[in-house]
C-alpha atoms as a PDB file:
ATOM      1  CA  UNK A   1      12.320   4.018  -4.209  1.00  0.00           C
ATOM      2  CA  UNK A   2      13.221   4.193  -0.531  1.00  0.00           C
ATOM      3  CA  UNK A   3      14.915   7.531  -1.131  1.00  0.00           C
ATOM      4  CA  UNK A   4      11.778   8.915  -2.781  1.00  0.00           C
ATOM      5  CA  UNK A   5       9.598   7.568   0.056  1.00  0.00           C
ATOM      6  CA  UNK A   6      11.792   9.230   2.670  1.00  0.00           C
ATOM      7  CA  UNK A   7      11.832  12.508   0.765  1.00  0.00           C
ATOM      8  CA  UNK A   8       8.052  12.484   0.265  1.00  0.00           C
ATOM      9  CA  UNK A   9       7.472  11.688   3.935  1.00  0.00           C
ATOM     10  CA  UNK A  10       9.737  14.613   4.916  1.00  0.00           C
ATOM     11  CA  UNK A  11      10.390  13.094   8.349  1.00  0.00           C
ATOM     12  CA  UNK A  12       6.650  12.636   8.877  1.00  0.00           C
ATOM     13  CA  UNK A  13       6.669   9.007   9.962  1.00  0.00           C
ATOM     14  CA  UNK A  14       3.299   8.957  11.665  1.00  0.00           C
ATOM     15  CA  UNK A  15       1.388   5.763  11.010  1.00  0.00           C
ATOM     16  CA  UNK A  16      -1.737   7.749  10.179  1.00  0.00           C
ATOM     17  CA  UNK A  17      -1.346  11.145   8.541  1.00  0.00           C
ATOM     18  CA  UNK A  18      -4.739  12.895   8.474  1.00  0.00           C
ATOM     19  CA  UNK A  19      -3.085  16.202   7.604  1.00  0.00           C
ATOM     20  CA  UNK A  20       0.392  17.157   6.414  1.00  0.00           C
ATOM     21  CA  UNK A  21       2.971  18.913   8.503  1.00  0.00           C
ATOM     22  CA  UNK A  22       4.243  22.162   6.974  1.00  0.00           C
ATOM     23  CA  UNK A  23       7.518  20.473   6.025  1.00  0.00           C
ATOM     24  CA  UNK A  24       5.678  17.577   4.409  1.00  0.00           C
ATOM     25  CA  UNK A  25       3.450  19.979   2.491  1.00  0.00           C
ATOM     26  CA  UNK A  26       6.406  22.005   1.217  1.00  0.00           C
ATOM     27  CA  UNK A  27       8.326  18.899   0.142  1.00  0.00           C
ATOM     28  CA  UNK A  28       5.250  17.467  -1.560  1.00  0.00           C
ATOM     29  CA  UNK A  29       4.845  20.646  -3.574  1.00  0.00           C
ATOM     30  CA  UNK A  30       8.478  20.394  -4.688  1.00  0.00           C
ATOM     31  CA  UNK A  31       8.140  16.700  -5.384  1.00  0.00           C
ATOM     32  CA  UNK A  32       4.887  16.896  -7.322  1.00  0.00           C
ATOM     33  CA  UNK A  33       6.806  16.828 -10.572  1.00  0.00           C
ATOM     34  CA  UNK A  34       8.862  13.882  -9.303  1.00  0.00           C
ATOM     35  CA  UNK A  35       5.662  11.981  -8.550  1.00  0.00           C
ATOM     36  CA  UNK A  36       4.385  12.623 -12.034  1.00  0.00           C
ATOM     37  CA  UNK A  37       7.644  11.803 -13.802  1.00  0.00           C
ATOM     38  CA  UNK A  38       8.247   8.630 -11.762  1.00  0.00           C
ATOM     39  CA  UNK A  39       4.664   7.420 -11.894  1.00  0.00           C
ATOM     40  CA  UNK A  40       5.079   5.085 -14.901  1.00  0.00           C
ATOM     41  CA  UNK A  41       8.099   3.391 -13.296  1.00  0.00           C
ATOM     42  CA  UNK A  42       6.326   3.041  -9.944  1.00  0.00           C
ATOM     43  CA  UNK A  43       3.225   1.602 -11.621  1.00  0.00           C
ATOM     44  CA  UNK A  44       5.427  -0.916 -13.442  1.00  0.00           C
ATOM     45  CA  UNK A  45       6.997  -2.083 -10.167  1.00  0.00           C
ATOM     46  CA  UNK A  46       3.591  -2.356  -8.545  1.00  0.00           C
ATOM     47  CA  UNK A  47       1.930  -4.355 -11.296  1.00  0.00           C
ATOM     48  CA  UNK A  48       4.900  -6.579 -12.179  1.00  0.00           C
ATOM     49  CA  UNK A  49       4.075  -9.979 -10.642  1.00  0.00           C
ATOM     50  CA  UNK A  50       7.771 -10.891 -10.799  1.00  0.00           C
ATOM     51  CA  UNK A  51       8.933  -7.859  -8.813  1.00  0.00           C
ATOM     52  CA  UNK A  52      10.064  -8.642  -5.260  1.00  0.00           C
ATOM     53  CA  UNK A  53       7.390  -8.191  -2.596  1.00  0.00           C
ATOM     54  CA  UNK A  54       9.278  -5.384  -0.860  1.00  0.00           C
ATOM     55  CA  UNK A  55       9.517  -3.370  -4.110  1.00  0.00           C
ATOM     56  CA  UNK A  56       5.811  -3.789  -4.758  1.00  0.00           C
ATOM     57  CA  UNK A  57       5.139  -2.592  -1.212  1.00  0.00           C
ATOM     58  CA  UNK A  58       7.371   0.428  -1.701  1.00  0.00           C
ATOM     59  CA  UNK A  59       5.604   1.204  -4.970  1.00  0.00           C
ATOM     60  CA  UNK A  60       2.247   1.089  -3.161  1.00  0.00           C
ATOM     61  CA  UNK A  61       3.554   3.508  -0.541  1.00  0.00           C
ATOM     62  CA  UNK A  62       4.816   5.934  -3.167  1.00  0.00           C
ATOM     63  CA  UNK A  63       1.410   5.845  -4.853  1.00  0.00           C
ATOM     64  CA  UNK A  64      -0.176   6.697  -1.497  1.00  0.00           C
ATOM     65  CA  UNK A  65       2.234   9.538  -0.861  1.00  0.00           C
ATOM     66  CA  UNK A  66       1.776  10.924  -4.366  1.00  0.00           C
ATOM     67  CA  UNK A  67      -2.007  10.774  -4.020  1.00  0.00           C
ATOM     68  CA  UNK A  68      -2.568  11.862  -0.439  1.00  0.00           C
ATOM     69  CA  UNK A  69      -2.256  15.584  -1.102  1.00  0.00           C
ATOM     70  CA  UNK A  70      -2.706  15.536  -4.861  1.00  0.00           C
ATOM     71  CA  UNK A  71      -6.188  14.288  -5.529  1.00  0.00           C
ATOM     72  CA  UNK A  72      -5.709  14.743  -9.262  1.00  0.00           C
ATOM     73  CA  UNK A  73      -3.457  11.674  -9.139  1.00  0.00           C
ATOM     74  CA  UNK A  74      -6.236   9.593  -7.573  1.00  0.00           C
ATOM     75  CA  UNK A  75      -8.209   8.986 -10.763  1.00  0.00           C
ATOM     76  CA  UNK A  76      -5.087   8.680 -12.894  1.00  0.00           C
ATOM     77  CA  UNK A  77      -3.567   6.014 -10.656  1.00  0.00           C
ATOM     78  CA  UNK A  78      -6.843   4.221  -9.954  1.00  0.00           C
ATOM     79  CA  UNK A  79      -7.626   3.898 -13.643  1.00  0.00           C
ATOM     80  CA  UNK A  80      -4.127   2.692 -14.568  1.00  0.00           C
ATOM     81  CA  UNK A  81      -4.147  -0.859 -15.844  1.00  0.00           C
ATOM     82  CA  UNK A  82      -3.706  -3.475 -13.149  1.00  0.00           C
ATOM     83  CA  UNK A  83      -3.455  -1.149 -10.147  1.00  0.00           C
ATOM     84  CA  UNK A  84      -6.753  -2.050  -8.486  1.00  0.00           C
ATOM     85  CA  UNK A  85      -6.418  -5.802  -8.927  1.00  0.00           C
ATOM     86  CA  UNK A  86      -2.746  -5.759  -7.939  1.00  0.00           C
ATOM     87  CA  UNK A  87      -3.354  -3.919  -4.663  1.00  0.00           C
ATOM     88  CA  UNK A  88      -6.218  -6.253  -3.746  1.00  0.00           C
ATOM     89  CA  UNK A  89      -4.106  -9.284  -4.655  1.00  0.00           C
ATOM     90  CA  UNK A  90      -1.225  -7.983  -2.521  1.00  0.00           C
ATOM     91  CA  UNK A  91      -3.538  -7.998   0.500  1.00  0.00           C
ATOM     92  CA  UNK A  92      -4.972 -11.429  -0.362  1.00  0.00           C
ATOM     93  CA  UNK A  93      -1.667 -13.166  -1.047  1.00  0.00           C
ATOM     94  CA  UNK A  94       0.035 -11.524   1.921  1.00  0.00           C
ATOM     95  CA  UNK A  95      -2.729 -12.672   4.258  1.00  0.00           C
ATOM     96  CA  UNK A  96      -2.055 -16.270   3.246  1.00  0.00           C
ATOM     97  CA  UNK A  97       1.608 -15.889   4.220  1.00  0.00           C
ATOM     98  CA  UNK A  98       1.486 -14.018   7.532  1.00  0.00           C
ATOM     99  CA  UNK A  99       1.706 -17.207   9.575  1.00  0.00           C
ATOM    100  CA  UNK A 100       5.068 -17.998   8.012  1.00  0.00           C
ATOM    101  CA  UNK A 101       7.502 -19.726  10.375  1.00  0.00           C
ATOM    102  CA  UNK A 102      10.168 -17.242   9.334  1.00  0.00           C
ATOM    103  CA  UNK A 103       9.241 -14.100  11.256  1.00  0.00           C
ATOM    104  CA  UNK A 104      11.139 -11.880   8.798  1.00  0.00           C
ATOM    105  CA  UNK A 105       9.060 -13.254   5.928  1.00  0.00           C
ATOM    106  CA  UNK A 106       5.862 -12.807   7.921  1.00  0.00           C
ATOM    107  CA  UNK A 107       6.775  -9.217   8.778  1.00  0.00           C
ATOM    108  CA  UNK A 108       7.608  -8.474   5.137  1.00  0.00           C
ATOM    109  CA  UNK A 109       4.145  -9.684   4.143  1.00  0.00           C
ATOM    110  CA  UNK A 110       2.485  -7.630   6.897  1.00  0.00           C
ATOM    111  CA  UNK A 111       4.431  -4.549   5.865  1.00  0.00           C
ATOM    112  CA  UNK A 112       3.375  -5.046   2.250  1.00  0.00           C
ATOM    113  CA  UNK A 113      -0.266  -5.548   3.251  1.00  0.00           C
ATOM    114  CA  UNK A 114      -0.161  -2.299   5.246  1.00  0.00           C
ATOM    115  CA  UNK A 115       1.261  -0.362   2.315  1.00  0.00           C
ATOM    116  CA  UNK A 116      -1.266  -1.859  -0.111  1.00  0.00           C
ATOM    117  CA  UNK A 117      -4.140  -1.171   2.306  1.00  0.00           C
ATOM    118  CA  UNK A 118      -3.074   2.458   2.675  1.00  0.00           C
ATOM    119  CA  UNK A 119      -2.975   2.807  -1.111  1.00  0.00           C
ATOM    120  CA  UNK A 120      -6.459   1.284  -1.365  1.00  0.00           C
ATOM    121  CA  UNK A 121      -7.744   3.689   1.279  1.00  0.00           C
ATOM    122  CA  UNK A 122      -6.391   6.833  -0.349  1.00  0.00           C
ATOM    123  CA  UNK A 123      -7.397   5.768  -3.854  1.00  0.00           C
ATOM    124  CA  UNK A 124     -11.030   5.153  -2.843  1.00  0.00           C
ATOM    125  CA  UNK A 125     -11.233   8.312  -0.739  1.00  0.00           C
ATOM    126  CA  UNK A 126     -13.648  10.719  -2.404  1.00  0.00           C
ATOM    127  CA  UNK A 127     -13.582   8.747  -5.666  1.00  0.00           C
ATOM    128  CA  UNK A 128     -16.786   6.894  -6.535  1.00  0.00           C
ATOM    129  CA  UNK A 129     -15.121   5.397  -9.617  1.00  0.00           C
ATOM    130  CA  UNK A 130     -12.187   3.954  -7.684  1.00  0.00           C
ATOM    131  CA  UNK A 131     -14.472   2.913  -4.836  1.00  0.00           C
ATOM    132  CA  UNK A 132     -16.610   0.836  -7.182  1.00  0.00           C
ATOM    133  CA  UNK A 133     -13.535  -0.665  -8.868  1.00  0.00           C
ATOM    134  CA  UNK A 134     -12.054  -1.774  -5.534  1.00  0.00           C
ATOM    135  CA  UNK A 135     -15.376  -3.151  -4.288  1.00  0.00           C
ATOM    136  CA  UNK A 136     -15.794  -5.083  -7.541  1.00  0.00           C
ATOM    137  CA  UNK A 137     -12.222  -6.407  -7.241  1.00  0.00           C
ATOM    138  CA  UNK A 138     -12.924  -7.841  -3.778  1.00  0.00           C
ATOM    139  CA  UNK A 139     -11.070  -5.298  -1.641  1.00  0.00           C
ATOM    140  CA  UNK A 140     -13.618  -5.413   1.180  1.00  0.00           C
ATOM    141  CA  UNK A 141     -13.391  -9.185   1.468  1.00  0.00           C
ATOM    142  CA  UNK A 142      -9.584  -9.128   1.227  1.00  0.00           C
ATOM    143  CA  UNK A 143      -9.222  -6.508   3.955  1.00  0.00           C
ATOM    144  CA  UNK A 144     -11.793  -8.229   6.172  1.00  0.00           C
ATOM    145  CA  UNK A 145     -10.024 -11.569   5.721  1.00  0.00           C
ATOM    146  CA  UNK A 146      -6.768  -9.947   6.802  1.00  0.00           C
ATOM    147  CA  UNK A 147      -8.389  -8.500   9.928  1.00  0.00           C
ATOM    148  CA  UNK A 148      -9.921 -11.846  10.812  1.00  0.00           C
ATOM    149  CA  UNK A 149      -6.761 -13.807  10.057  1.00  0.00           C
ATOM    150  CA  UNK A 150      -4.401 -11.702  12.159  1.00  0.00           C
ATOM    151  CA  UNK A 151      -6.472 -12.488  15.213  1.00  0.00           C
ATOM    152  CA  UNK A 152      -6.262 -16.239  14.712  1.00  0.00           C
ATOM    153  CA  UNK A 153      -3.936 -18.796  16.181  1.00  0.00           C
ATOM    154  CA  UNK A 154      -1.851 -21.161  14.088  1.00  0.00           C
ATOM    155  CA  UNK A 155      -2.193 -24.914  14.413  1.00  0.00           C
ATOM    156  CA  UNK A 156       0.839 -24.984  16.703  1.00  0.00           C
ATOM    157  CA  UNK A 157      -0.825 -22.573  19.138  1.00  0.00           C
ATOM    158  CA  UNK A 158       1.248 -19.523  18.174  1.00  0.00           C
ATOM    159  CA  UNK A 159      -0.615 -16.351  17.382  1.00  0.00           C
ATOM    160  CA  UNK A 160       0.351 -14.571  14.218  1.00  0.00           C
ATOM    161  CA  UNK A 161       3.835 -13.042  14.521  1.00  0.00           C
ATOM    162  CA  UNK A 162       4.318 -14.109  18.112  1.00  0.00           C
ATOM    163  CA  UNK A 163       7.822 -15.104  19.107  1.00  0.00           C
ATOM    164  CA  UNK A 164       8.395 -18.779  19.833  1.00  0.00           C
END
């Protein structure tokens, strides 16, 4: 999945991508068929509760990349069984683990939350159906809890992800 992510990003590693670069656009057009053919596999990784966290995060990122410039995928992905609840649960469960003593584990959870949040954002964008589904699934509360939690201090006085 990492290879597909890198190809879809086409060296566009901006944190926020409000518009595609020409290279990204050209690659996305080439890869549109790859997004469609790989979609069932990616959805399986995302919704499999036994899949490793990093694979579920990568699956969420691929869904974002395959939706960002192909709005026709938005409804298809959003209405796929388990996608909405899985993405919301990824944010919720990750938020509970970000104060992990193991900084690598905490970062992995934060990375997964970011990928899930981006997928939520792009799936609700200009889609009343998906918007309602995510609201009903508790996405607003989950995202707000994450924002509130990352500003808190652990019982030992360390802020989230601060070095000892």
